[in-house]
Amino acid sequence: MERDVDLAKRAKIIEWLKTEIVDHVAHLLKSIWEGSSTKMVDALASLVASSYILGRRLGISLRSLDEAVLEKMKKHRQEGHQLEEWYGDISALEEHLRKR
């Protein structure tokens, strides 16, 4: 019985985190519309934090998530992603993550 309660609690938390992510995206879009950089930063920070926590609840370590993001940036850079070609965003993020 206790195991069933724990599984239900874990499922409920995961569902709640998924709705939080959607809510953070909505707040981000509203803050972009308003042009409020303070609200944009807050929404992006909440989105990133919730993504990390959701990953952790799904059994993904924070380190492996960081490594996956780095690998994705490396792949995008190698494939000549437009954001890299136009603005250097991919290598900037990659460098930032490596310095942490």
C-alpha atoms as a PDB file:
ATOM      1  CA  MET A   1       0.000   0.000   0.000  1.00  0.00           C
ATOM      2  CA  GLU A   2       2.791   2.430   0.925  1.00  0.00           C
ATOM      3  CA  ARG A   3       4.530   1.761  -2.407  1.00  0.00           C
ATOM      4  CA  ASP A   4       1.324   2.559  -4.308  1.00  0.00           C
ATOM      5  CA  VAL A   5       0.984   5.855  -2.452  1.00  0.00           C
ATOM      6  CA  ASP A   6       4.617   6.728  -3.293  1.00  0.00           C
ATOM      7  CA  LEU A   7       4.095   5.932  -6.999  1.00  0.00           C
ATOM      8  CA  ALA A   8       0.929   8.018  -7.086  1.00  0.00           C
ATOM      9  CA  LYS A   9       2.729  10.899  -5.365  1.00  0.00           C
ATOM     10  CA  ARG A  10       5.624  10.699  -7.838  1.00  0.00           C
ATOM     11  CA  ALA A  11       3.230  10.681 -10.804  1.00  0.00           C
ATOM     12  CA  LYS A  12       1.331  13.641  -9.369  1.00  0.00           C
ATOM     13  CA  ILE A  13       4.551  15.638  -8.898  1.00  0.00           C
ATOM     14  CA  ILE A  14       5.617  14.924 -12.484  1.00  0.00           C
ATOM     15  CA  GLU A  15       2.259  16.059 -13.817  1.00  0.00           C
ATOM     16  CA  TRP A  16       2.424  19.193 -11.655  1.00  0.00           C
ATOM     17  CA  LEU A  17       5.922  20.009 -12.950  1.00  0.00           C
ATOM     18  CA  LYS A  18       4.708  19.611 -16.529  1.00  0.00           C
ATOM     19  CA  THR A  19       1.965  22.158 -15.922  1.00  0.00           C
ATOM     20  CA  GLU A  20       4.488  24.475 -14.250  1.00  0.00           C
ATOM     21  CA  ILE A  21       6.638  24.372 -17.395  1.00  0.00           C
ATOM     22  CA  VAL A  22       3.657  25.263 -19.569  1.00  0.00           C
ATOM     23  CA  ASP A  23       2.810  28.089 -17.160  1.00  0.00           C
ATOM     24  CA  HIS A  24       6.397  29.398 -17.301  1.00  0.00           C
ATOM     25  CA  VAL A  25       6.287  29.380 -21.102  1.00  0.00           C
ATOM     26  CA  ALA A  26       3.049  31.367 -20.990  1.00  0.00           C
ATOM     27  CA  HIS A  27       4.630  33.891 -18.609  1.00  0.00           C
ATOM     28  CA  LEU A  28       7.654  34.149 -20.872  1.00  0.00           C
ATOM     29  CA  LEU A  29       5.514  34.865 -23.915  1.00  0.00           C
ATOM     30  CA  LYS A  30       3.545  37.507 -22.000  1.00  0.00           C
ATOM     31  CA  SER A  31       6.731  39.158 -20.756  1.00  0.00           C
ATOM     32  CA  ILE A  32       8.116  39.260 -24.298  1.00  0.00           C
ATOM     33  CA  TRP A  33       4.873  40.883 -25.450  1.00  0.00           C
ATOM     34  CA  GLU A  34       5.147  43.433 -22.617  1.00  0.00           C
ATOM     35  CA  GLY A  35       8.829  44.005 -23.313  1.00  0.00           C
ATOM     36  CA  SER A  36       9.762  43.547 -19.664  1.00  0.00           C
ATOM     37  CA  SER A  37      13.300  42.216 -19.429  1.00  0.00           C
ATOM     38  CA  THR A  38      12.904  41.637 -15.681  1.00  0.00           C
ATOM     39  CA  LYS A  39       9.869  39.431 -16.260  1.00  0.00           C
ATOM     40  CA  MET A  40      11.596  37.672 -19.175  1.00  0.00           C
ATOM     41  CA  VAL A  41      14.579  36.776 -16.991  1.00  0.00           C
ATOM     42  CA  ASP A  42      12.274  35.580 -14.220  1.00  0.00           C
ATOM     43  CA  ALA A  43      10.221  33.415 -16.593  1.00  0.00           C
ATOM     44  CA  LEU A  44      13.314  31.956 -18.261  1.00  0.00           C
ATOM     45  CA  ALA A  45      14.906  31.203 -14.882  1.00  0.00           C
ATOM     46  CA  SER A  46      11.725  29.472 -13.737  1.00  0.00           C
ATOM     47  CA  LEU A  47      11.557  27.503 -16.974  1.00  0.00           C
ATOM     48  CA  VAL A  48      15.168  26.334 -16.710  1.00  0.00           C
ATOM     49  CA  ALA A  49      14.826  25.442 -13.020  1.00  0.00           C
ATOM     50  CA  SER A  50      11.594  23.516 -13.573  1.00  0.00           C
ATOM     51  CA  SER A  51      13.161  21.655 -16.483  1.00  0.00           C
ATOM     52  CA  TYR A  52      16.080  20.552 -14.336  1.00  0.00           C
ATOM     53  CA  ILE A  53      13.780  19.491 -11.511  1.00  0.00           C
ATOM     54  CA  LEU A  54      11.485  17.592 -13.881  1.00  0.00           C
ATOM     55  CA  GLY A  55      14.504  15.808 -15.323  1.00  0.00           C
ATOM     56  CA  ARG A  56      15.611  14.870 -11.825  1.00  0.00           C
ATOM     57  CA  ARG A  57      12.136  13.556 -10.959  1.00  0.00           C
ATOM     58  CA  LEU A  58      12.320  11.467 -14.153  1.00  0.00           C
ATOM     59  CA  GLY A  59      15.584   9.936 -12.999  1.00  0.00           C
ATOM     60  CA  ILE A  60      17.969  12.103 -15.023  1.00  0.00           C
ATOM     61  CA  SER A  61      20.919  13.477 -13.092  1.00  0.00           C
ATOM     62  CA  LEU A  62      21.608  17.191 -13.252  1.00  0.00           C
ATOM     63  CA  ARG A  63      25.101  16.429 -14.545  1.00  0.00           C
ATOM     64  CA  SER A  64      23.841  14.220 -17.370  1.00  0.00           C
ATOM     65  CA  LEU A  65      21.368  16.919 -18.373  1.00  0.00           C
ATOM     66  CA  ASP A  66      24.201  19.469 -18.492  1.00  0.00           C
ATOM     67  CA  GLU A  67      26.265  17.056 -20.580  1.00  0.00           C
ATOM     68  CA  ALA A  68      23.347  16.458 -22.946  1.00  0.00           C
ATOM     69  CA  VAL A  69      22.896  20.201 -23.472  1.00  0.00           C
ATOM     70  CA  LEU A  70      26.628  20.577 -24.150  1.00  0.00           C
ATOM     71  CA  GLU A  71      26.543  17.710 -26.621  1.00  0.00           C
ATOM     72  CA  LYS A  72      23.524  19.219 -28.368  1.00  0.00           C
ATOM     73  CA  MET A  73      25.292  22.591 -28.655  1.00  0.00           C
ATOM     74  CA  LYS A  74      28.405  20.888 -30.036  1.00  0.00           C
ATOM     75  CA  LYS A  75      26.287  19.070 -32.636  1.00  0.00           C
ATOM     76  CA  HIS A  76      24.454  22.268 -33.630  1.00  0.00           C
ATOM     77  CA  ARG A  77      27.750  24.136 -33.952  1.00  0.00           C
ATOM     78  CA  GLN A  78      29.262  21.389 -36.104  1.00  0.00           C
ATOM     79  CA  GLU A  79      26.191  21.276 -38.338  1.00  0.00           C
ATOM     80  CA  GLY A  80      26.314  25.023 -38.907  1.00  0.00           C
ATOM     81  CA  HIS A  81      23.126  25.968 -37.064  1.00  0.00           C
ATOM     82  CA  GLN A  82      21.827  29.357 -38.238  1.00  0.00           C
ATOM     83  CA  LEU A  83      21.938  30.855 -34.743  1.00  0.00           C
ATOM     84  CA  GLU A  84      25.614  29.998 -34.641  1.00  0.00           C
ATOM     85  CA  GLU A  85      26.339  31.332 -38.094  1.00  0.00           C
ATOM     86  CA  TRP A  86      24.407  34.557 -37.593  1.00  0.00           C
ATOM     87  CA  TYR A  87      25.066  35.361 -33.937  1.00  0.00           C
ATOM     88  CA  GLY A  88      27.461  32.835 -32.378  1.00  0.00           C
ATOM     89  CA  ASP A  89      24.766  31.878 -29.831  1.00  0.00           C
ATOM     90  CA  ILE A  90      25.557  28.168 -29.839  1.00  0.00           C
ATOM     91  CA  SER A  91      29.266  28.544 -29.088  1.00  0.00           C
ATOM     92  CA  ALA A  92      28.504  31.256 -26.505  1.00  0.00           C
ATOM     93  CA  LEU A  93      26.202  28.887 -24.607  1.00  0.00           C
ATOM     94  CA  GLU A  94      28.647  26.031 -24.985  1.00  0.00           C
ATOM     95  CA  GLU A  95      31.458  28.177 -23.577  1.00  0.00           C
ATOM     96  CA  HIS A  96      29.278  29.384 -20.701  1.00  0.00           C
ATOM     97  CA  LEU A  97      28.360  25.833 -19.699  1.00  0.00           C
ATOM     98  CA  ARG A  98      31.942  24.623 -19.884  1.00  0.00           C
ATOM     99  CA  LYS A  99      33.148  27.436 -17.590  1.00  0.00           C
ATOM    100  CA  ARG A 100      30.710  26.503 -14.805  1.00  0.00           C
END
